[in-house]
C-alpha atoms as a PDB file:
ATOM      1  CA  UNK A   1      -0.017  -0.005   0.007  1.00  0.00           C
ATOM      2  CA  UNK A   2       1.356   3.409  -0.985  1.00  0.00           C
ATOM      3  CA  UNK A   3       2.101   5.722   1.944  1.00  0.00           C
ATOM      4  CA  UNK A   4       1.150   9.391   1.650  1.00  0.00           C
ATOM      5  CA  UNK A   5       3.218  11.990   3.494  1.00  0.00           C
ATOM      6  CA  UNK A   6       2.326  14.551   6.052  1.00  0.00           C
ATOM      7  CA  UNK A   7       4.225  17.765   5.720  1.00  0.00           C
ATOM      8  CA  UNK A   8       5.833  20.168   8.194  1.00  0.00           C
ATOM      9  CA  UNK A   9       7.138  23.601   7.360  1.00  0.00           C
ATOM     10  CA  UNK A  10       9.891  24.801   9.642  1.00  0.00           C
ATOM     11  CA  UNK A  11      10.458  28.571   9.355  1.00  0.00           C
ATOM     12  CA  UNK A  12      13.871  29.808  10.377  1.00  0.00           C
ATOM     13  CA  UNK A  13      14.671  33.180  11.899  1.00  0.00           C
ATOM     14  CA  UNK A  14      18.274  32.358  11.265  1.00  0.00           C
ATOM     15  CA  UNK A  15      19.632  29.532   9.185  1.00  0.00           C
ATOM     16  CA  UNK A  16      20.816  26.334  10.778  1.00  0.00           C
ATOM     17  CA  UNK A  17      23.036  25.920   7.731  1.00  0.00           C
ATOM     18  CA  UNK A  18      26.177  28.032   7.996  1.00  0.00           C
ATOM     19  CA  UNK A  19      28.061  29.190   4.911  1.00  0.00           C
ATOM     20  CA  UNK A  20      31.271  30.762   3.769  1.00  0.00           C
ATOM     21  CA  UNK A  21      29.733  33.631   1.903  1.00  0.00           C
ATOM     22  CA  UNK A  22      29.278  37.332   1.534  1.00  0.00           C
ATOM     23  CA  UNK A  23      26.275  38.468   3.643  1.00  0.00           C
ATOM     24  CA  UNK A  24      23.860  39.109   0.798  1.00  0.00           C
ATOM     25  CA  UNK A  25      24.465  35.836  -1.043  1.00  0.00           C
ATOM     26  CA  UNK A  26      21.716  33.391   0.052  1.00  0.00           C
ATOM     27  CA  UNK A  27      20.263  32.056   3.294  1.00  0.00           C
ATOM     28  CA  UNK A  28      17.857  29.320   4.335  1.00  0.00           C
ATOM     29  CA  UNK A  29      14.430  30.607   5.442  1.00  0.00           C
ATOM     30  CA  UNK A  30      12.245  27.486   5.491  1.00  0.00           C
ATOM     31  CA  UNK A  31      12.525  23.710   5.473  1.00  0.00           C
ATOM     32  CA  UNK A  32       9.516  21.664   4.306  1.00  0.00           C
ATOM     33  CA  UNK A  33       9.765  18.144   5.728  1.00  0.00           C
ATOM     34  CA  UNK A  34       8.297  15.269   3.681  1.00  0.00           C
ATOM     35  CA  UNK A  35       8.632  12.318   6.057  1.00  0.00           C
ATOM     36  CA  UNK A  36       7.612   8.688   5.711  1.00  0.00           C
ATOM     37  CA  UNK A  37       7.984   8.330   1.949  1.00  0.00           C
ATOM     38  CA  UNK A  38      10.677   7.725  -0.641  1.00  0.00           C
ATOM     39  CA  UNK A  39      11.389  10.819  -2.733  1.00  0.00           C
ATOM     40  CA  UNK A  40      14.165  11.172  -5.294  1.00  0.00           C
ATOM     41  CA  UNK A  41      13.455  14.655  -6.553  1.00  0.00           C
ATOM     42  CA  UNK A  42      13.968  15.492 -10.170  1.00  0.00           C
ATOM     43  CA  UNK A  43      13.020  18.819 -11.773  1.00  0.00           C
ATOM     44  CA  UNK A  44      11.004  21.691 -10.344  1.00  0.00           C
ATOM     45  CA  UNK A  45       8.624  24.192 -11.942  1.00  0.00           C
ATOM     46  CA  UNK A  46       7.256  27.436 -10.417  1.00  0.00           C
ATOM     47  CA  UNK A  47       3.963  28.910 -11.514  1.00  0.00           C
ATOM     48  CA  UNK A  48       3.656  32.509 -10.398  1.00  0.00           C
ATOM     49  CA  UNK A  49       0.047  33.145 -11.506  1.00  0.00           C
ATOM     50  CA  UNK A  50      -1.331  30.294  -9.356  1.00  0.00           C
ATOM     51  CA  UNK A  51       1.297  30.566  -6.604  1.00  0.00           C
ATOM     52  CA  UNK A  52       2.247  26.899  -6.984  1.00  0.00           C
ATOM     53  CA  UNK A  53       5.531  25.019  -6.883  1.00  0.00           C
ATOM     54  CA  UNK A  54       5.514  21.643  -8.713  1.00  0.00           C
ATOM     55  CA  UNK A  55       8.196  19.080  -7.875  1.00  0.00           C
ATOM     56  CA  UNK A  56       8.659  15.768  -9.680  1.00  0.00           C
ATOM     57  CA  UNK A  57       9.910  12.612  -7.944  1.00  0.00           C
ATOM     58  CA  UNK A  58      11.325   9.564  -9.726  1.00  0.00           C
ATOM     59  CA  UNK A  59      10.909   7.134  -6.862  1.00  0.00           C
ATOM     60  CA  UNK A  60       7.323   6.517  -5.734  1.00  0.00           C
ATOM     61  CA  UNK A  61       6.699   8.617  -8.863  1.00  0.00           C
ATOM     62  CA  UNK A  62       4.577  11.617  -8.017  1.00  0.00           C
ATOM     63  CA  UNK A  63       4.230  15.318  -8.526  1.00  0.00           C
ATOM     64  CA  UNK A  64       4.151  17.205  -5.217  1.00  0.00           C
ATOM     65  CA  UNK A  65       2.480  20.631  -5.217  1.00  0.00           C
ATOM     66  CA  UNK A  66       3.328  23.316  -2.686  1.00  0.00           C
ATOM     67  CA  UNK A  67       2.316  26.889  -1.993  1.00  0.00           C
ATOM     68  CA  UNK A  68       5.112  28.871  -3.580  1.00  0.00           C
ATOM     69  CA  UNK A  69       5.291  31.509  -0.849  1.00  0.00           C
ATOM     70  CA  UNK A  70       4.459  29.635   2.391  1.00  0.00           C
ATOM     71  CA  UNK A  71       5.803  26.181   1.471  1.00  0.00           C
ATOM     72  CA  UNK A  72       2.525  24.585   2.549  1.00  0.00           C
ATOM     73  CA  UNK A  73       1.793  21.277   0.849  1.00  0.00           C
ATOM     74  CA  UNK A  74      -1.300  21.439  -1.391  1.00  0.00           C
ATOM     75  CA  UNK A  75      -1.606  18.091  -3.156  1.00  0.00           C
ATOM     76  CA  UNK A  76       0.142  14.887  -4.325  1.00  0.00           C
ATOM     77  CA  UNK A  77      -0.501  13.744  -7.856  1.00  0.00           C
ATOM     78  CA  UNK A  78      -0.021  10.043  -8.506  1.00  0.00           C
ATOM     79  CA  UNK A  79      -0.535   7.371 -11.249  1.00  0.00           C
ATOM     80  CA  UNK A  80       2.760   7.947 -13.024  1.00  0.00           C
ATOM     81  CA  UNK A  81       5.576   5.525 -13.860  1.00  0.00           C
ATOM     82  CA  UNK A  82       8.664   7.757 -13.667  1.00  0.00           C
ATOM     83  CA  UNK A  83       8.177  11.510 -13.529  1.00  0.00           C
ATOM     84  CA  UNK A  84      11.080  13.724 -14.587  1.00  0.00           C
ATOM     85  CA  UNK A  85       9.652  17.113 -15.458  1.00  0.00           C
ATOM     86  CA  UNK A  86       6.557  19.242 -15.239  1.00  0.00           C
ATOM     87  CA  UNK A  87       5.485  22.367 -17.161  1.00  0.00           C
ATOM     88  CA  UNK A  88       2.559  24.555 -16.119  1.00  0.00           C
ATOM     89  CA  UNK A  89       1.082  26.642 -18.972  1.00  0.00           C
ATOM     90  CA  UNK A  90      -1.372  29.088 -17.412  1.00  0.00           C
ATOM     91  CA  UNK A  91      -2.470  30.645 -20.720  1.00  0.00           C
ATOM     92  CA  UNK A  92      -3.639  27.257 -21.986  1.00  0.00           C
ATOM     93  CA  UNK A  93      -4.884  26.036 -18.596  1.00  0.00           C
ATOM     94  CA  UNK A  94      -2.690  22.944 -18.922  1.00  0.00           C
ATOM     95  CA  UNK A  95      -0.120  21.118 -16.885  1.00  0.00           C
ATOM     96  CA  UNK A  96       2.308  18.903 -18.803  1.00  0.00           C
ATOM     97  CA  UNK A  97       4.007  16.030 -16.953  1.00  0.00           C
ATOM     98  CA  UNK A  98       6.912  14.255 -18.586  1.00  0.00           C
ATOM     99  CA  UNK A  99       6.471  10.631 -17.607  1.00  0.00           C
ATOM    100  CA  UNK A 100       9.623   8.964 -18.855  1.00  0.00           C
ATOM    101  CA  UNK A 101       8.681   5.501 -17.592  1.00  0.00           C
ATOM    102  CA  UNK A 102       5.409   5.655 -19.537  1.00  0.00           C
ATOM    103  CA  UNK A 103       7.136   7.038 -22.678  1.00  0.00           C
ATOM    104  CA  UNK A 104       4.756   9.979 -22.829  1.00  0.00           C
ATOM    105  CA  UNK A 105       3.732  13.423 -21.816  1.00  0.00           C
ATOM    106  CA  UNK A 106       0.574  13.430 -19.775  1.00  0.00           C
ATOM    107  CA  UNK A 107      -1.621  16.535 -20.255  1.00  0.00           C
ATOM    108  CA  UNK A 108      -3.463  17.508 -17.069  1.00  0.00           C
ATOM    109  CA  UNK A 109      -6.131  20.139 -16.451  1.00  0.00           C
ATOM    110  CA  UNK A 110      -4.491  23.192 -14.854  1.00  0.00           C
ATOM    111  CA  UNK A 111      -7.012  23.282 -11.980  1.00  0.00           C
ATOM    112  CA  UNK A 112      -8.493  19.796 -11.470  1.00  0.00           C
ATOM    113  CA  UNK A 113      -5.362  17.834 -12.454  1.00  0.00           C
ATOM    114  CA  UNK A 114      -7.458  15.354 -14.447  1.00  0.00           C
ATOM    115  CA  UNK A 115      -5.616  13.718 -17.320  1.00  0.00           C
ATOM    116  CA  UNK A 116      -7.053  15.198 -20.568  1.00  0.00           C
ATOM    117  CA  UNK A 117      -4.537  13.954 -23.111  1.00  0.00           C
ATOM    118  CA  UNK A 118      -1.372  12.013 -23.798  1.00  0.00           C
ATOM    119  CA  UNK A 119       1.505  12.624 -26.244  1.00  0.00           C
ATOM    120  CA  UNK A 120       3.554   9.500 -27.104  1.00  0.00           C
ATOM    121  CA  UNK A 121       7.325   9.651 -26.919  1.00  0.00           C
ATOM    122  CA  UNK A 122      10.231   7.191 -26.584  1.00  0.00           C
ATOM    123  CA  UNK A 123      11.171   5.799 -23.171  1.00  0.00           C
ATOM    124  CA  UNK A 124      13.116   7.919 -20.652  1.00  0.00           C
ATOM    125  CA  UNK A 125      11.767  11.300 -21.746  1.00  0.00           C
ATOM    126  CA  UNK A 126      13.366  13.781 -19.399  1.00  0.00           C
ATOM    127  CA  UNK A 127      14.915  17.271 -20.123  1.00  0.00           C
ATOM    128  CA  UNK A 128      12.611  19.906 -21.633  1.00  0.00           C
ATOM    129  CA  UNK A 129      12.742  23.487 -22.799  1.00  0.00           C
ATOM    130  CA  UNK A 130       9.681  25.573 -23.807  1.00  0.00           C
ATOM    131  CA  UNK A 131       9.427  28.160 -26.563  1.00  0.00           C
ATOM    132  CA  UNK A 132       6.659  30.370 -25.136  1.00  0.00           C
ATOM    133  CA  UNK A 133       6.317  32.449 -28.330  1.00  0.00           C
ATOM    134  CA  UNK A 134       5.761  29.508 -30.692  1.00  0.00           C
ATOM    135  CA  UNK A 135       4.225  27.284 -28.044  1.00  0.00           C
ATOM    136  CA  UNK A 136       6.609  24.478 -28.877  1.00  0.00           C
ATOM    137  CA  UNK A 137       8.076  22.095 -26.281  1.00  0.00           C
ATOM    138  CA  UNK A 138      11.424  20.373 -26.954  1.00  0.00           C
ATOM    139  CA  UNK A 139      11.821  17.056 -25.089  1.00  0.00           C
ATOM    140  CA  UNK A 140      14.834  14.770 -24.859  1.00  0.00           C
ATOM    141  CA  UNK A 141      13.980  11.067 -25.009  1.00  0.00           C
ATOM    142  CA  UNK A 142      15.445   7.727 -25.989  1.00  0.00           C
ATOM    143  CA  UNK A 143      19.152   6.857 -25.718  1.00  0.00           C
ATOM    144  CA  UNK A 144      20.501   4.695 -22.933  1.00  0.00           C
ATOM    145  CA  UNK A 145      17.146   3.395 -21.608  1.00  0.00           C
ATOM    146  CA  UNK A 146      15.949   2.721 -25.140  1.00  0.00           C
ATOM    147  CA  UNK A 147      19.246   0.833 -25.873  1.00  0.00           C
ATOM    148  CA  UNK A 148      19.931   3.027 -28.943  1.00  0.00           C
ATOM    149  CA  UNK A 149      23.175   4.763 -29.857  1.00  0.00           C
ATOM    150  CA  UNK A 150      21.243   7.972 -30.507  1.00  0.00           C
ATOM    151  CA  UNK A 151      18.822  10.231 -28.691  1.00  0.00           C
ATOM    152  CA  UNK A 152      15.818  12.158 -29.898  1.00  0.00           C
ATOM    153  CA  UNK A 153      14.707  15.708 -29.326  1.00  0.00           C
ATOM    154  CA  UNK A 154      10.965  15.682 -29.981  1.00  0.00           C
ATOM    155  CA  UNK A 155       9.239  18.881 -31.020  1.00  0.00           C
ATOM    156  CA  UNK A 156       5.744  19.064 -29.497  1.00  0.00           C
ATOM    157  CA  UNK A 157       2.928  21.512 -30.329  1.00  0.00           C
ATOM    158  CA  UNK A 158       1.384  22.100 -26.896  1.00  0.00           C
ATOM    159  CA  UNK A 159      -1.756  23.715 -28.297  1.00  0.00           C
ATOM    160  CA  UNK A 160      -2.685  20.776 -30.557  1.00  0.00           C
ATOM    161  CA  UNK A 161      -0.981  18.299 -28.169  1.00  0.00           C
ATOM    162  CA  UNK A 162       0.813  16.745 -31.097  1.00  0.00           C
ATOM    163  CA  UNK A 163       4.385  15.678 -31.775  1.00  0.00           C
ATOM    164  CA  UNK A 164       5.601  17.472 -34.908  1.00  0.00           C
ATOM    165  CA  UNK A 165       9.088  16.071 -35.435  1.00  0.00           C
ATOM    166  CA  UNK A 166      11.938  14.049 -33.978  1.00  0.00           C
ATOM    167  CA  UNK A 167      15.521  15.297 -34.282  1.00  0.00           C
ATOM    168  CA  UNK A 168      18.096  12.519 -34.087  1.00  0.00           C
ATOM    169  CA  UNK A 169      21.461  13.165 -32.418  1.00  0.00           C
ATOM    170  CA  UNK A 170      24.262  10.655 -32.537  1.00  0.00           C
ATOM    171  CA  UNK A 171      24.887  10.200 -28.837  1.00  0.00           C
ATOM    172  CA  UNK A 172      23.128   7.977 -26.336  1.00  0.00           C
ATOM    173  CA  UNK A 173      22.876  10.684 -23.694  1.00  0.00           C
ATOM    174  CA  UNK A 174      21.527  14.238 -23.939  1.00  0.00           C
ATOM    175  CA  UNK A 175      20.937  16.478 -20.949  1.00  0.00           C
ATOM    176  CA  UNK A 176      19.835  20.121 -20.470  1.00  0.00           C
ATOM    177  CA  UNK A 177      18.873  22.505 -23.264  1.00  0.00           C
ATOM    178  CA  UNK A 178      18.643  26.283 -23.641  1.00  0.00           C
ATOM    179  CA  UNK A 179      16.901  28.470 -26.203  1.00  0.00           C
ATOM    180  CA  UNK A 180      18.348  31.472 -27.986  1.00  0.00           C
ATOM    181  CA  UNK A 181      15.029  33.336 -27.928  1.00  0.00           C
ATOM    182  CA  UNK A 182      16.152  36.221 -30.115  1.00  0.00           C
ATOM    183  CA  UNK A 183      17.430  33.832 -32.784  1.00  0.00           C
ATOM    184  CA  UNK A 184      16.805  30.341 -34.057  1.00  0.00           C
ATOM    185  CA  UNK A 185      19.286  28.275 -32.086  1.00  0.00           C
ATOM    186  CA  UNK A 186      18.706  25.574 -29.496  1.00  0.00           C
ATOM    187  CA  UNK A 187      21.726  24.524 -27.426  1.00  0.00           C
ATOM    188  CA  UNK A 188      21.878  21.017 -25.984  1.00  0.00           C
ATOM    189  CA  UNK A 189      24.355  19.151 -23.772  1.00  0.00           C
ATOM    190  CA  UNK A 190      25.438  16.126 -25.847  1.00  0.00           C
ATOM    191  CA  UNK A 191      26.705  14.453 -22.715  1.00  0.00           C
ATOM    192  CA  UNK A 192      27.550  11.093 -24.238  1.00  0.00           C
ATOM    193  CA  UNK A 193      29.916  12.825 -26.694  1.00  0.00           C
ATOM    194  CA  UNK A 194      31.379  15.536 -24.345  1.00  0.00           C
ATOM    195  CA  UNK A 195      30.028  18.208 -26.709  1.00  0.00           C
ATOM    196  CA  UNK A 196      27.497  20.974 -26.921  1.00  0.00           C
ATOM    197  CA  UNK A 197      25.185  20.703 -29.882  1.00  0.00           C
ATOM    198  CA  UNK A 198      23.767  23.751 -31.716  1.00  0.00           C
ATOM    199  CA  UNK A 199      20.482  23.137 -33.436  1.00  0.00           C
ATOM    200  CA  UNK A 200      18.783  25.412 -35.979  1.00  0.00           C
ATOM    201  CA  UNK A 201      15.173  25.387 -34.809  1.00  0.00           C
ATOM    202  CA  UNK A 202      13.912  26.583 -38.211  1.00  0.00           C
ATOM    203  CA  UNK A 203      15.712  23.823 -40.144  1.00  0.00           C
ATOM    204  CA  UNK A 204      15.331  21.369 -37.260  1.00  0.00           C
ATOM    205  CA  UNK A 205      18.908  20.266 -37.852  1.00  0.00           C
ATOM    206  CA  UNK A 206      22.120  20.037 -35.881  1.00  0.00           C
ATOM    207  CA  UNK A 207      24.416  22.727 -37.398  1.00  0.00           C
ATOM    208  CA  UNK A 208      27.367  22.866 -35.019  1.00  0.00           C
ATOM    209  CA  UNK A 209      29.136  20.868 -32.300  1.00  0.00           C
ATOM    210  CA  UNK A 210      31.408  22.473 -29.742  1.00  0.00           C
ATOM    211  CA  UNK A 211      33.759  20.025 -28.000  1.00  0.00           C
ATOM    212  CA  UNK A 212      34.473  20.131 -24.242  1.00  0.00           C
ATOM    213  CA  UNK A 213      37.908  18.604 -24.567  1.00  0.00           C
ATOM    214  CA  UNK A 214      39.002  18.816 -20.925  1.00  0.00           C
ATOM    215  CA  UNK A 215      35.738  17.799 -19.191  1.00  0.00           C
ATOM    216  CA  UNK A 216      33.123  15.096 -19.255  1.00  0.00           C
ATOM    217  CA  UNK A 217      29.485  14.642 -18.231  1.00  0.00           C
ATOM    218  CA  UNK A 218      28.112  18.081 -19.039  1.00  0.00           C
ATOM    219  CA  UNK A 219      24.633  18.047 -17.428  1.00  0.00           C
ATOM    220  CA  UNK A 220      22.976  21.384 -16.555  1.00  0.00           C
ATOM    221  CA  UNK A 221      22.887  24.440 -18.785  1.00  0.00           C
ATOM    222  CA  UNK A 222      21.779  28.081 -18.715  1.00  0.00           C
ATOM    223  CA  UNK A 223      22.061  30.891 -21.230  1.00  0.00           C
ATOM    224  CA  UNK A 224      22.763  34.616 -20.878  1.00  0.00           C
ATOM    225  CA  UNK A 225      21.150  35.950 -24.023  1.00  0.00           C
ATOM    226  CA  UNK A 226      22.228  39.558 -23.570  1.00  0.00           C
ATOM    227  CA  UNK A 227      25.968  38.706 -23.339  1.00  0.00           C
ATOM    228  CA  UNK A 228      25.899  35.647 -25.649  1.00  0.00           C
ATOM    229  CA  UNK A 229      27.316  33.388 -22.900  1.00  0.00           C
ATOM    230  CA  UNK A 230      26.374  29.746 -22.362  1.00  0.00           C
ATOM    231  CA  UNK A 231      26.904  28.185 -18.968  1.00  0.00           C
ATOM    232  CA  UNK A 232      27.357  24.474 -18.360  1.00  0.00           C
ATOM    233  CA  UNK A 233      28.625  22.336 -15.463  1.00  0.00           C
ATOM    234  CA  UNK A 234      30.496  19.071 -15.913  1.00  0.00           C
ATOM    235  CA  UNK A 235      31.004  16.269 -13.385  1.00  0.00           C
ATOM    236  CA  UNK A 236      34.387  14.889 -14.442  1.00  0.00           C
ATOM    237  CA  UNK A 237      35.885  17.093 -13.150  1.00  0.00           C
ATOM    238  CA  UNK A 238      33.320  19.278 -11.340  1.00  0.00           C
ATOM    239  CA  UNK A 239      33.690  22.407 -13.392  1.00  0.00           C
ATOM    240  CA  UNK A 240      31.590  25.459 -14.260  1.00  0.00           C
ATOM    241  CA  UNK A 241      32.270  26.409 -17.881  1.00  0.00           C
ATOM    242  CA  UNK A 242      31.394  29.557 -19.793  1.00  0.00           C
ATOM    243  CA  UNK A 243      31.307  29.622 -23.597  1.00  0.00           C
ATOM    244  CA  UNK A 244      30.999  32.516 -26.041  1.00  0.00           C
ATOM    245  CA  UNK A 245      28.110  31.534 -28.284  1.00  0.00           C
ATOM    246  CA  UNK A 246      29.410  33.762 -31.121  1.00  0.00           C
ATOM    247  CA  UNK A 247      32.522  31.608 -31.354  1.00  0.00           C
ATOM    248  CA  UNK A 248      31.839  28.369 -29.428  1.00  0.00           C
ATOM    249  CA  UNK A 249      35.010  28.931 -27.418  1.00  0.00           C
ATOM    250  CA  UNK A 250      35.434  28.479 -23.675  1.00  0.00           C
ATOM    251  CA  UNK A 251      36.130  31.827 -22.011  1.00  0.00           C
ATOM    252  CA  UNK A 252      36.093  30.963 -18.282  1.00  0.00           C
ATOM    253  CA  UNK A 253      36.086  28.006 -15.902  1.00  0.00           C
ATOM    254  CA  UNK A 254      35.647  27.589 -12.151  1.00  0.00           C
ATOM    255  CA  UNK A 255      35.784  24.616  -9.729  1.00  0.00           C
ATOM    256  CA  UNK A 256      32.450  23.806  -8.068  1.00  0.00           C
ATOM    257  CA  UNK A 257      31.264  21.070  -5.658  1.00  0.00           C
ATOM    258  CA  UNK A 258      30.556  17.583  -6.951  1.00  0.00           C
ATOM    259  CA  UNK A 259      27.469  16.269  -8.750  1.00  0.00           C
ATOM    260  CA  UNK A 260      25.736  19.444  -9.950  1.00  0.00           C
ATOM    261  CA  UNK A 261      22.409  18.546 -11.598  1.00  0.00           C
ATOM    262  CA  UNK A 262      20.692  21.928 -11.817  1.00  0.00           C
ATOM    263  CA  UNK A 263      21.983  25.401 -12.615  1.00  0.00           C
ATOM    264  CA  UNK A 264      20.011  28.650 -12.315  1.00  0.00           C
ATOM    265  CA  UNK A 265      20.829  32.102 -13.729  1.00  0.00           C
ATOM    266  CA  UNK A 266      19.712  35.325 -12.026  1.00  0.00           C
ATOM    267  CA  UNK A 267      19.954  37.870 -14.822  1.00  0.00           C
ATOM    268  CA  UNK A 268      19.017  40.735 -12.512  1.00  0.00           C
ATOM    269  CA  UNK A 269      21.906  40.257 -10.080  1.00  0.00           C
ATOM    270  CA  UNK A 270      24.196  38.560 -12.648  1.00  0.00           C
ATOM    271  CA  UNK A 271      24.571  35.450 -10.511  1.00  0.00           C
ATOM    272  CA  UNK A 272      24.393  31.746 -11.026  1.00  0.00           C
ATOM    273  CA  UNK A 273      23.431  29.040  -8.527  1.00  0.00           C
ATOM    274  CA  UNK A 274      24.977  25.591  -9.028  1.00  0.00           C
ATOM    275  CA  UNK A 275      23.058  22.975  -6.992  1.00  0.00           C
ATOM    276  CA  UNK A 276      25.410  20.115  -6.081  1.00  0.00           C
ATOM    277  CA  UNK A 277      24.386  16.878  -4.416  1.00  0.00           C
ATOM    278  CA  UNK A 278      27.822  15.348  -3.803  1.00  0.00           C
ATOM    279  CA  UNK A 279      29.260  14.986  -0.326  1.00  0.00           C
ATOM    280  CA  UNK A 280      27.222  16.936   2.217  1.00  0.00           C
ATOM    281  CA  UNK A 281      25.511  18.985  -0.540  1.00  0.00           C
ATOM    282  CA  UNK A 282      26.008  22.630  -1.415  1.00  0.00           C
ATOM    283  CA  UNK A 283      24.947  25.534  -3.640  1.00  0.00           C
ATOM    284  CA  UNK A 284      27.737  27.505  -5.258  1.00  0.00           C
ATOM    285  CA  UNK A 285      26.845  31.194  -5.768  1.00  0.00           C
ATOM    286  CA  UNK A 286      28.759  32.504  -8.758  1.00  0.00           C
ATOM    287  CA  UNK A 287      29.019  36.192  -9.530  1.00  0.00           C
ATOM    288  CA  UNK A 288      29.305  37.337 -13.159  1.00  0.00           C
ATOM    289  CA  UNK A 289      31.737  40.265 -12.940  1.00  0.00           C
ATOM    290  CA  UNK A 290      31.693  40.735 -16.719  1.00  0.00           C
ATOM    291  CA  UNK A 291      30.933  38.341 -19.608  1.00  0.00           C
ATOM    292  CA  UNK A 292      34.347  36.654 -19.267  1.00  0.00           C
ATOM    293  CA  UNK A 293      35.026  37.001 -15.537  1.00  0.00           C
ATOM    294  CA  UNK A 294      33.327  34.906 -12.836  1.00  0.00           C
ATOM    295  CA  UNK A 295      33.871  34.333  -9.097  1.00  0.00           C
ATOM    296  CA  UNK A 296      32.440  31.930  -6.500  1.00  0.00           C
ATOM    297  CA  UNK A 297      31.227  34.349  -3.801  1.00  0.00           C
ATOM    298  CA  UNK A 298      29.512  31.782  -1.531  1.00  0.00           C
ATOM    299  CA  UNK A 299      29.222  28.084  -0.885  1.00  0.00           C
ATOM    300  CA  UNK A 300      25.938  27.452   0.937  1.00  0.00           C
ATOM    301  CA  UNK A 301      25.636  23.981   2.517  1.00  0.00           C
ATOM    302  CA  UNK A 302      22.460  22.039   1.940  1.00  0.00           C
ATOM    303  CA  UNK A 303      22.014  18.271   2.514  1.00  0.00           C
ATOM    304  CA  UNK A 304      23.469  15.103   0.966  1.00  0.00           C
ATOM    305  CA  UNK A 305      22.041  14.298  -2.480  1.00  0.00           C
ATOM    306  CA  UNK A 306      20.342  17.731  -2.841  1.00  0.00           C
ATOM    307  CA  UNK A 307      21.087  18.252  -6.551  1.00  0.00           C
ATOM    308  CA  UNK A 308      17.959  19.687  -8.133  1.00  0.00           C
ATOM    309  CA  UNK A 309      15.924  22.830  -7.684  1.00  0.00           C
ATOM    310  CA  UNK A 310      14.794  26.091  -9.286  1.00  0.00           C
ATOM    311  CA  UNK A 311      15.335  29.803  -8.858  1.00  0.00           C
ATOM    312  CA  UNK A 312      12.262  32.068  -8.827  1.00  0.00           C
ATOM    313  CA  UNK A 313      13.414  35.613  -9.598  1.00  0.00           C
ATOM    314  CA  UNK A 314      10.049  37.154  -8.759  1.00  0.00           C
ATOM    315  CA  UNK A 315      10.542  36.039  -5.128  1.00  0.00           C
ATOM    316  CA  UNK A 316      14.337  36.091  -5.039  1.00  0.00           C
ATOM    317  CA  UNK A 317      14.149  32.472  -3.822  1.00  0.00           C
ATOM    318  CA  UNK A 318      15.988  29.246  -4.625  1.00  0.00           C
ATOM    319  CA  UNK A 319      14.118  26.006  -3.950  1.00  0.00           C
ATOM    320  CA  UNK A 320      16.241  22.847  -3.464  1.00  0.00           C
ATOM    321  CA  UNK A 321      15.092  19.227  -3.145  1.00  0.00           C
ATOM    322  CA  UNK A 322      16.663  16.971  -0.501  1.00  0.00           C
ATOM    323  CA  UNK A 323      16.043  13.287  -1.308  1.00  0.00           C
ATOM    324  CA  UNK A 324      15.195  10.438   1.036  1.00  0.00           C
ATOM    325  CA  UNK A 325      18.250   8.621   2.348  1.00  0.00           C
ATOM    326  CA  UNK A 326      18.882   6.060   5.100  1.00  0.00           C
ATOM    327  CA  UNK A 327      18.911   8.602   7.952  1.00  0.00           C
ATOM    328  CA  UNK A 328      17.450  11.556   6.015  1.00  0.00           C
ATOM    329  CA  UNK A 329      13.813  12.377   5.368  1.00  0.00           C
ATOM    330  CA  UNK A 330      12.909  14.042   2.087  1.00  0.00           C
ATOM    331  CA  UNK A 331      12.752  17.829   2.293  1.00  0.00           C
ATOM    332  CA  UNK A 332      12.368  21.004   0.258  1.00  0.00           C
ATOM    333  CA  UNK A 333      14.758  23.768   1.289  1.00  0.00           C
ATOM    334  CA  UNK A 334      13.705  27.352   0.567  1.00  0.00           C
ATOM    335  CA  UNK A 335      16.632  29.762   0.384  1.00  0.00           C
ATOM    336  CA  UNK A 336      16.350  33.458  -0.143  1.00  0.00           C
ATOM    337  CA  UNK A 337      18.260  36.574  -0.978  1.00  0.00           C
ATOM    338  CA  UNK A 338      18.076  39.140   1.841  1.00  0.00           C
ATOM    339  CA  UNK A 339      15.525  41.947   1.342  1.00  0.00           C
ATOM    340  CA  UNK A 340      17.112  45.153   0.130  1.00  0.00           C
END
């Protein structure tokens, strides 16, 4: 019988997590405990209009829904096989859940959460990026779990709930993607090949590959569109890498903690947050001094295995998922920038 959690929000007047940091970097304000269940958190999605935070879990596959501001638990969505990602689309009154184990996207009603449609994909659908202007969703699927030497990036029309095309890339592992919104490019971590792929979205074709010759396992990605800088983090070794997207050349690198799975970019403060689950867990706060100069200004401890999360610029908050471990209950950490 499946166990359902009770939730406890612990507000903090001062953080129980110390950090080596400058005072305005980031501090813990709340911990939401999720006891009694197995949770291996994957990706997060914040929905400002409805004040909801959606968090996917791969183990005991569910989508947990929280109040974005208070951290209060609102609902648990079940009947999935292996959830990896979730995308709320307020304008269409839809919630898209990437269910990699079921080889599909489940389309849910934005309010009632009833399943209203399904979009077939290949097994292990996971990373996504959404083009809000064209209402197209790009979804990585296939590869290692499908036992193929290639992966697919499926192009999905979210209005018609229809897959339009599959782009085939010759590597068995793809990870995060980023859109060049002012142009036609889609950047993707070709992790199995230690490269970054550049796709022309108009032609739906791979047009360039940029090698990462000194690093392996490039997983998360973010893009600074104003300065034409692409940010990725590799795991072997644990390195934050900056590329100039006009040339494809690496312009800066920094050491970061082990096993970074999510990376967030705060374009207002020109900072990045690298969420690392290795060791005791930490978030590296990286300041962008200029397009080619970066500095780690804080290392904020979290919990072991806490490697995914999301930054919500409207609230100046970073949400981080702490997974269930032998002596560790699942949690959501809410970290915040000090009020100015």
